[in-house]
Amino acid sequence: MNNWTEINNELQKTFVFGSFMEAIQWMLKASAEIEQCNHHPTWTNTYNKVHVRLTTHDEGNTITQKDCELAKALDFLFDKGSIQ
């Protein structure tokens, strides 16, 4: 997992894009993966940044394998340059 930080029982990362539209397009593409995993992050968008927080609520708000797998999937989407 690239540059994820563990803070308060959450994995956290801020993804930085070239523009607001790129950030929103990535969120839309990521939402399909998120829905498929049935593991939904807390995330916010401010202009060209998307801040993601992952924790497993039904496991007592701890970091689980679900969080690690979703973090890797989000990194993959970002790294492969899925914004066209």
N, C-alpha and C. Protein backbone atom coordinates (compact mmCIF):
# COMPACT_ATOMS: atom_id res chain seq x y z
N MET A 1 0.85 -1.18 0.00
CA MET A 1 0.00 0.00 0.00
C MET A 1 0.89 1.24 0.00
N ASN A 2 0.71 2.04 -0.99
CA ASN A 2 1.53 3.24 -1.20
C ASN A 2 1.10 4.39 -0.31
N ASN A 3 1.95 4.77 0.61
CA ASN A 3 1.78 6.01 1.38
C ASN A 3 0.48 6.13 2.16
N TRP A 4 -0.08 5.03 2.61
CA TRP A 4 -1.22 5.08 3.50
C TRP A 4 -0.68 5.25 4.91
N THR A 5 -1.37 6.04 5.71
CA THR A 5 -0.96 6.30 7.08
C THR A 5 -2.02 5.73 8.02
N GLU A 6 -1.57 5.10 9.09
CA GLU A 6 -2.50 4.61 10.09
C GLU A 6 -2.66 5.68 11.17
N ILE A 7 -3.88 6.19 11.30
CA ILE A 7 -4.20 7.23 12.29
C ILE A 7 -5.52 6.86 12.94
N ASN A 8 -5.53 6.75 14.27
CA ASN A 8 -6.76 6.48 15.02
C ASN A 8 -7.55 5.30 14.47
N ASN A 9 -6.88 4.18 14.27
CA ASN A 9 -7.51 2.95 13.77
C ASN A 9 -8.13 3.11 12.39
N GLU A 10 -7.54 3.97 11.57
CA GLU A 10 -7.98 4.15 10.19
C GLU A 10 -6.75 4.18 9.30
N LEU A 11 -6.92 3.69 8.08
CA LEU A 11 -5.93 3.93 7.03
C LEU A 11 -6.36 5.22 6.34
N GLN A 12 -5.42 6.14 6.15
CA GLN A 12 -5.75 7.42 5.54
C GLN A 12 -4.76 7.76 4.43
N LYS A 13 -5.30 8.39 3.39
CA LYS A 13 -4.45 8.84 2.29
C LYS A 13 -5.17 9.95 1.55
N THR A 14 -4.39 10.90 1.05
CA THR A 14 -4.92 11.95 0.19
C THR A 14 -4.36 11.75 -1.21
N PHE A 15 -5.27 11.58 -2.17
CA PHE A 15 -4.91 11.45 -3.57
C PHE A 15 -4.99 12.85 -4.20
N VAL A 16 -3.98 13.22 -4.97
CA VAL A 16 -3.92 14.55 -5.58
C VAL A 16 -3.99 14.39 -7.10
N PHE A 17 -4.88 15.16 -7.72
CA PHE A 17 -5.14 15.09 -9.15
C PHE A 17 -4.80 16.43 -9.80
N GLY A 18 -4.84 16.46 -11.11
CA GLY A 18 -4.52 17.68 -11.85
C GLY A 18 -5.62 18.72 -11.83
N SER A 19 -6.84 18.28 -11.52
CA SER A 19 -7.96 19.21 -11.53
C SER A 19 -9.11 18.64 -10.71
N PHE A 20 -10.10 19.47 -10.48
CA PHE A 20 -11.31 19.04 -9.79
C PHE A 20 -12.00 17.93 -10.57
N MET A 21 -12.12 18.09 -11.89
CA MET A 21 -12.81 17.09 -12.71
C MET A 21 -12.10 15.74 -12.68
N GLU A 22 -10.78 15.74 -12.68
CA GLU A 22 -10.04 14.47 -12.58
C GLU A 22 -10.32 13.79 -11.24
N ALA A 23 -10.39 14.57 -10.19
CA ALA A 23 -10.67 14.00 -8.87
C ALA A 23 -12.07 13.37 -8.85
N ILE A 24 -13.04 14.07 -9.39
CA ILE A 24 -14.41 13.56 -9.42
C ILE A 24 -14.52 12.33 -10.31
N GLN A 25 -13.86 12.34 -11.46
CA GLN A 25 -13.88 11.17 -12.35
C GLN A 25 -13.28 9.95 -11.65
N TRP A 26 -12.19 10.15 -10.92
CA TRP A 26 -11.59 9.04 -10.18
C TRP A 26 -12.55 8.52 -9.12
N MET A 27 -13.23 9.42 -8.42
CA MET A 27 -14.19 8.99 -7.40
C MET A 27 -15.30 8.14 -8.04
N LEU A 28 -15.75 8.56 -9.21
CA LEU A 28 -16.79 7.78 -9.90
C LEU A 28 -16.28 6.40 -10.29
N LYS A 29 -15.08 6.33 -10.83
CA LYS A 29 -14.51 5.03 -11.18
C LYS A 29 -14.28 4.18 -9.92
N ALA A 30 -13.79 4.81 -8.86
CA ALA A 30 -13.53 4.08 -7.62
C ALA A 30 -14.82 3.57 -6.99
N SER A 31 -15.91 4.30 -7.19
CA SER A 31 -17.18 3.89 -6.57
C SER A 31 -17.63 2.52 -7.06
N ALA A 32 -17.32 2.15 -8.29
CA ALA A 32 -17.67 0.82 -8.79
C ALA A 32 -16.91 -0.26 -8.03
N GLU A 33 -15.62 -0.04 -7.81
CA GLU A 33 -14.80 -0.99 -7.04
C GLU A 33 -15.27 -1.05 -5.59
N ILE A 34 -15.58 0.10 -5.03
CA ILE A 34 -16.05 0.17 -3.65
C ILE A 34 -17.35 -0.61 -3.49
N GLU A 35 -18.26 -0.44 -4.42
CA GLU A 35 -19.54 -1.14 -4.35
C GLU A 35 -19.35 -2.65 -4.50
N GLN A 36 -18.45 -3.03 -5.41
CA GLN A 36 -18.18 -4.45 -5.62
C GLN A 36 -17.60 -5.08 -4.34
N CYS A 37 -16.75 -4.36 -3.64
CA CYS A 37 -16.17 -4.86 -2.39
C CYS A 37 -17.17 -4.79 -1.24
N ASN A 38 -18.23 -3.99 -1.42
CA ASN A 38 -19.20 -3.74 -0.36
C ASN A 38 -18.49 -3.26 0.92
N HIS A 39 -17.54 -2.37 0.70
CA HIS A 39 -16.78 -1.80 1.82
C HIS A 39 -16.59 -0.32 1.50
N HIS A 40 -17.31 0.53 2.19
CA HIS A 40 -17.43 1.93 1.80
C HIS A 40 -16.57 2.84 2.68
N PRO A 41 -15.73 3.65 2.04
CA PRO A 41 -14.85 4.55 2.79
C PRO A 41 -15.57 5.81 3.25
N THR A 42 -14.92 6.50 4.12
CA THR A 42 -15.26 7.90 4.38
C THR A 42 -14.30 8.69 3.52
N TRP A 43 -14.86 9.52 2.65
CA TRP A 43 -13.97 10.30 1.79
C TRP A 43 -14.55 11.68 1.54
N THR A 44 -13.62 12.61 1.28
CA THR A 44 -14.01 13.98 1.00
C THR A 44 -13.22 14.46 -0.21
N ASN A 45 -13.81 15.42 -0.90
CA ASN A 45 -13.16 16.03 -2.05
C ASN A 45 -13.07 17.52 -1.82
N THR A 46 -11.88 18.07 -2.01
CA THR A 46 -11.66 19.50 -2.02
C THR A 46 -10.81 19.82 -3.24
N TYR A 47 -11.43 20.50 -4.17
CA TYR A 47 -10.83 20.84 -5.46
C TYR A 47 -10.17 19.61 -6.09
N ASN A 48 -8.84 19.53 -6.12
CA ASN A 48 -8.16 18.44 -6.81
C ASN A 48 -7.67 17.33 -5.88
N LYS A 49 -8.19 17.30 -4.66
CA LYS A 49 -7.75 16.31 -3.68
C LYS A 49 -8.93 15.48 -3.19
N VAL A 50 -8.65 14.18 -3.01
CA VAL A 50 -9.63 13.28 -2.41
C VAL A 50 -8.96 12.64 -1.21
N HIS A 51 -9.50 12.91 -0.03
CA HIS A 51 -8.97 12.33 1.20
C HIS A 51 -9.84 11.12 1.55
N VAL A 52 -9.17 9.96 1.74
CA VAL A 52 -9.86 8.70 1.99
C VAL A 52 -9.49 8.18 3.38
N ARG A 53 -10.50 7.74 4.11
CA ARG A 53 -10.31 7.11 5.43
C ARG A 53 -10.98 5.74 5.40
N LEU A 54 -10.22 4.70 5.75
CA LEU A 54 -10.73 3.34 5.75
C LEU A 54 -10.66 2.73 7.14
N THR A 55 -11.77 2.18 7.59
CA THR A 55 -11.84 1.41 8.82
C THR A 55 -13.03 0.49 8.69
N THR A 56 -13.04 -0.59 9.43
CA THR A 56 -14.16 -1.54 9.34
C THR A 56 -15.06 -1.34 10.55
N HIS A 57 -16.19 -0.70 10.31
CA HIS A 57 -17.10 -0.33 11.38
C HIS A 57 -17.70 -1.55 12.08
N ASP A 58 -18.06 -2.57 11.31
CA ASP A 58 -18.70 -3.74 11.93
C ASP A 58 -17.71 -4.68 12.62
N GLU A 59 -16.44 -4.30 12.64
CA GLU A 59 -15.42 -5.04 13.38
C GLU A 59 -14.87 -4.18 14.53
N GLY A 60 -15.64 -3.20 14.95
CA GLY A 60 -15.23 -2.37 16.08
C GLY A 60 -14.35 -1.20 15.69
N ASN A 61 -14.51 -0.71 14.46
CA ASN A 61 -13.73 0.43 13.97
C ASN A 61 -12.23 0.17 14.06
N THR A 62 -11.84 -0.95 13.47
CA THR A 62 -10.43 -1.30 13.38
C THR A 62 -10.06 -1.52 11.92
N ILE A 63 -8.78 -1.58 11.66
CA ILE A 63 -8.28 -1.85 10.32
C ILE A 63 -8.28 -3.36 10.11
N THR A 64 -8.93 -3.79 9.04
CA THR A 64 -9.00 -5.22 8.72
C THR A 64 -8.47 -5.46 7.31
N GLN A 65 -8.50 -6.71 6.90
CA GLN A 65 -8.08 -7.08 5.56
C GLN A 65 -8.92 -6.36 4.50
N LYS A 66 -10.20 -6.13 4.80
CA LYS A 66 -11.06 -5.40 3.87
C LYS A 66 -10.48 -4.02 3.56
N ASP A 67 -10.00 -3.35 4.58
CA ASP A 67 -9.43 -2.01 4.40
C ASP A 67 -8.16 -2.07 3.56
N CYS A 68 -7.31 -3.04 3.86
CA CYS A 68 -6.06 -3.19 3.10
C CYS A 68 -6.33 -3.51 1.64
N GLU A 69 -7.30 -4.37 1.38
CA GLU A 69 -7.64 -4.72 0.00
C GLU A 69 -8.22 -3.53 -0.76
N LEU A 70 -9.07 -2.77 -0.11
CA LEU A 70 -9.64 -1.59 -0.78
C LEU A 70 -8.56 -0.54 -1.00
N ALA A 71 -7.66 -0.36 -0.06
CA ALA A 71 -6.56 0.59 -0.23
C ALA A 71 -5.73 0.23 -1.46
N LYS A 72 -5.42 -1.06 -1.61
CA LYS A 72 -4.65 -1.51 -2.78
C LYS A 72 -5.42 -1.26 -4.07
N ALA A 73 -6.71 -1.52 -4.06
CA ALA A 73 -7.54 -1.29 -5.26
C ALA A 73 -7.58 0.18 -5.63
N LEU A 74 -7.71 1.06 -4.63
CA LEU A 74 -7.73 2.50 -4.90
C LEU A 74 -6.38 2.98 -5.43
N ASP A 75 -5.31 2.46 -4.85
CA ASP A 75 -3.97 2.79 -5.36
C ASP A 75 -3.83 2.35 -6.82
N PHE A 76 -4.31 1.14 -7.12
CA PHE A 76 -4.21 0.63 -8.49
C PHE A 76 -4.94 1.54 -9.47
N LEU A 77 -6.16 1.93 -9.12
CA LEU A 77 -6.93 2.84 -9.99
C LEU A 77 -6.19 4.16 -10.20
N PHE A 78 -5.61 4.67 -9.13
CA PHE A 78 -4.88 5.93 -9.23
C PHE A 78 -3.61 5.76 -10.06
N ASP A 79 -2.85 4.69 -9.78
CA ASP A 79 -1.57 4.48 -10.43
C ASP A 79 -1.69 4.17 -11.91
N LYS A 80 -2.76 3.49 -12.29
CA LYS A 80 -2.89 3.13 -13.70
C LYS A 80 -3.37 4.31 -14.55
N GLY A 81 -3.62 5.45 -13.89
CA GLY A 81 -4.02 6.63 -14.65
C GLY A 81 -5.36 6.44 -15.31
N SER A 82 -6.33 5.99 -14.52
CA SER A 82 -7.64 5.66 -15.08
C SER A 82 -8.43 6.88 -15.50
N ILE A 83 -7.90 8.06 -15.26
CA ILE A 83 -8.63 9.27 -15.66
C ILE A 83 -8.25 9.59 -17.10
N GLN A 84 -9.23 9.59 -17.97
CA GLN A 84 -8.97 9.87 -19.39
C GLN A 84 -9.79 11.07 -19.80
